[in-house]
Protein backbone atom coordinates (compact mmCIF):
# COMPACT_ATOMS: atom_id res chain seq x y z
CA UNK A 1 2.18 15.00 11.45
CA UNK A 2 2.32 11.32 10.51
CA UNK A 3 3.13 10.63 6.85
CA UNK A 4 1.91 7.44 5.22
CA UNK A 5 2.77 6.01 1.84
CA UNK A 6 0.04 3.68 0.56
CA UNK A 7 1.09 1.08 -1.98
CA UNK A 8 -1.08 -1.52 -3.67
CA UNK A 9 -0.62 -4.60 -5.79
CA UNK A 10 -2.78 -4.20 -8.83
CA UNK A 11 -1.89 -6.84 -11.46
CA UNK A 12 -5.48 -8.11 -11.56
CA UNK A 13 -6.98 -4.69 -10.82
CA UNK A 14 -5.99 -2.98 -14.04
CA UNK A 15 -8.24 -2.52 -17.07
CA UNK A 16 -5.81 -2.77 -20.00
CA UNK A 17 -8.38 -1.64 -22.54
CA UNK A 18 -8.74 1.75 -20.81
CA UNK A 19 -5.30 1.92 -19.13
CA UNK A 20 -6.99 2.56 -15.78
CA UNK A 21 -7.37 0.95 -12.39
CA UNK A 22 -10.68 -0.95 -12.16
CA UNK A 23 -13.40 1.14 -10.48
CA UNK A 24 -13.99 -1.22 -7.54
CA UNK A 25 -10.29 -1.29 -6.61
CA UNK A 26 -9.99 2.47 -7.06
CA UNK A 27 -12.97 2.94 -4.74
CA UNK A 28 -11.37 0.65 -2.15
CA UNK A 29 -8.14 2.64 -2.17
CA UNK A 30 -9.98 5.98 -2.14
CA UNK A 31 -11.91 4.80 0.90
CA UNK A 32 -8.66 3.98 2.71
CA UNK A 33 -7.07 7.29 1.69
CA UNK A 34 -10.12 9.31 2.79
CA UNK A 35 -10.43 7.67 6.19
CA UNK A 36 -6.73 7.96 6.96
CA UNK A 37 -6.78 11.62 5.97
CA UNK A 38 -9.75 12.10 8.29
CA UNK A 39 -7.34 11.11 11.08
CA UNK A 40 -5.23 14.16 10.21
CA UNK A 41 -2.36 12.30 8.59
CA UNK A 42 -0.71 12.94 5.26
CA UNK A 43 -1.21 10.02 2.88
CA UNK A 44 0.36 9.70 -0.53
CA UNK A 45 -0.37 7.03 -3.11
CA UNK A 46 1.32 6.76 -6.48
CA UNK A 47 -1.82 5.41 -8.14
CA UNK A 48 -3.77 8.45 -6.98
CA UNK A 49 -0.98 10.83 -8.05
CA UNK A 50 -1.05 9.17 -11.50
CA UNK A 51 -4.82 9.77 -11.71
CA UNK A 52 -5.53 6.03 -11.39
CA UNK A 53 -3.98 5.22 -14.75
CA UNK A 54 -0.82 3.72 -16.12
CA UNK A 55 1.31 6.61 -17.26
CA UNK A 56 3.49 6.23 -20.30
CA UNK A 57 6.73 7.14 -18.60
CA UNK A 58 9.91 5.29 -17.90
CA UNK A 59 9.61 2.85 -14.99
CA UNK A 60 12.68 4.35 -13.33
CA UNK A 61 10.76 7.61 -12.92
CA UNK A 62 8.04 5.81 -10.95
CA UNK A 63 10.66 3.90 -8.98
CA UNK A 64 12.45 7.09 -7.92
CA UNK A 65 9.11 8.70 -6.97
CA UNK A 66 8.22 5.68 -4.84
CA UNK A 67 11.63 5.62 -3.14
CA UNK A 68 11.32 9.32 -2.32
CA UNK A 69 7.82 8.77 -0.93
CA UNK A 70 9.02 5.86 1.23
CA UNK A 71 11.97 7.91 2.49
CA UNK A 72 9.61 10.74 3.47
CA UNK A 73 7.10 8.47 5.21
CA UNK A 74 6.71 7.32 8.80
CA UNK A 75 4.59 4.34 7.83
CA UNK A 76 4.25 2.30 4.65
CA UNK A 77 0.96 0.48 4.15
CA UNK A 78 0.80 -2.18 1.43
CA UNK A 79 -2.59 -3.45 0.31
CA UNK A 80 -1.87 -6.91 -1.06
CA UNK A 81 -3.91 -9.14 -3.30
CA UNK A 82 -3.54 -12.86 -4.10
CA UNK A 83 -0.92 -12.27 -6.79
CA UNK A 84 2.29 -10.67 -5.53
CA UNK A 85 3.45 -7.58 -7.35
CA UNK A 86 7.15 -7.17 -8.10
CA UNK A 87 6.83 -3.44 -7.42
CA UNK A 88 5.16 -3.90 -4.04
CA UNK A 89 7.66 -6.58 -3.07
CA UNK A 90 10.53 -4.20 -3.85
CA UNK A 91 8.85 -1.36 -1.95
CA UNK A 92 8.24 -3.58 1.08
CA UNK A 93 11.88 -4.66 1.11
CA UNK A 94 13.17 -1.14 0.62
CA UNK A 95 10.97 0.27 3.38
CA UNK A 96 11.99 -2.50 5.79
CA UNK A 97 15.68 -1.96 4.98
CA UNK A 98 15.25 1.75 5.70
CA UNK A 99 13.78 0.91 9.10
CA UNK A 100 10.30 2.18 8.26
CA UNK A 101 7.26 0.78 9.98
CA UNK A 102 5.52 -1.39 7.41
CA UNK A 103 2.03 -2.88 7.44
CA UNK A 104 0.95 -5.51 4.94
CA UNK A 105 -2.84 -5.61 4.75
CA UNK A 106 -4.72 -8.36 2.97
CA UNK A 107 -8.20 -9.74 2.86
CA UNK A 108 -8.60 -12.88 4.94
CA UNK A 109 -9.77 -14.53 1.69
CA UNK A 110 -6.46 -13.88 -0.11
CA UNK A 111 -3.41 -16.11 -0.07
CA UNK A 112 -0.24 -14.85 1.61
CA UNK A 113 2.72 -15.27 -0.74
CA UNK A 114 5.83 -17.15 0.35
CA UNK A 115 8.00 -14.02 0.37
CA UNK A 116 5.45 -12.08 2.39
CA UNK A 117 5.30 -14.91 4.91
CA UNK A 118 9.05 -14.37 5.34
CA UNK A 119 8.81 -10.62 5.83
CA UNK A 120 6.13 -11.11 8.46
CA UNK A 121 7.83 -14.07 10.16
CA UNK A 122 11.09 -12.11 10.41
CA UNK A 123 9.32 -9.25 12.15
CA UNK A 124 10.16 -6.74 9.40
CA UNK A 125 6.53 -6.28 8.43
CA UNK A 126 3.37 -6.13 10.51
CA UNK A 127 0.53 -8.21 9.08
CA UNK A 128 -3.13 -7.32 9.30
CA UNK A 129 -6.00 -9.25 7.77
CA UNK A 130 -9.50 -8.02 7.29
CA UNK A 131 -12.90 -9.27 6.25
CA UNK A 132 -14.43 -5.84 5.72
CA UNK A 133 -13.08 -2.42 4.85
CA UNK A 134 -14.28 -1.16 8.23
CA UNK A 135 -12.14 -3.78 9.96
CA UNK A 136 -9.11 -2.78 7.90
CA UNK A 137 -9.60 0.90 8.65
CA UNK A 138 -9.93 0.29 12.38
CA UNK A 139 -6.58 -1.50 12.35
CA UNK A 140 -4.88 1.19 10.25
CA UNK A 141 -6.25 4.01 12.40
CA UNK A 142 -4.96 2.23 15.53
CA UNK A 143 -1.51 1.95 13.92
CA UNK A 144 -1.56 5.65 13.04
CA UNK A 145 -2.51 6.63 16.58
CA UNK A 146 0.47 4.71 17.94
CA UNK A 147 2.76 6.80 15.73
CA UNK A 148 1.10 10.14 16.57
């Protein structure tokens, strides 16, 4: 069974007053998780495991959890936004260094950061853009089927 680790940049998607991921972004990620699971793959996502909130724990605990999830995965999918996330950038680099298949997905309306241009240009990361969630899911499902 294919194992996917879904990571997401959420600097602008976090409601600090409630310590939770904003509902629209949560819904977007849940949609991705649901559809990938419908394909019969195992998908883990730290944000989901943390109940869509920022837990008050040491960052090294989250880092170790993410490293373990990447190590156990066949595919790492990063959902990127305009603003790069230090955590996602680390996870992308770690996954690429471990020889994992990595997909960076971003809306065609979002900017592609300089570092991400390098990971794609070097061939370490596959890049997919989308205009709709349906388009993104079609591309992710095709990538999963290649691995199956």
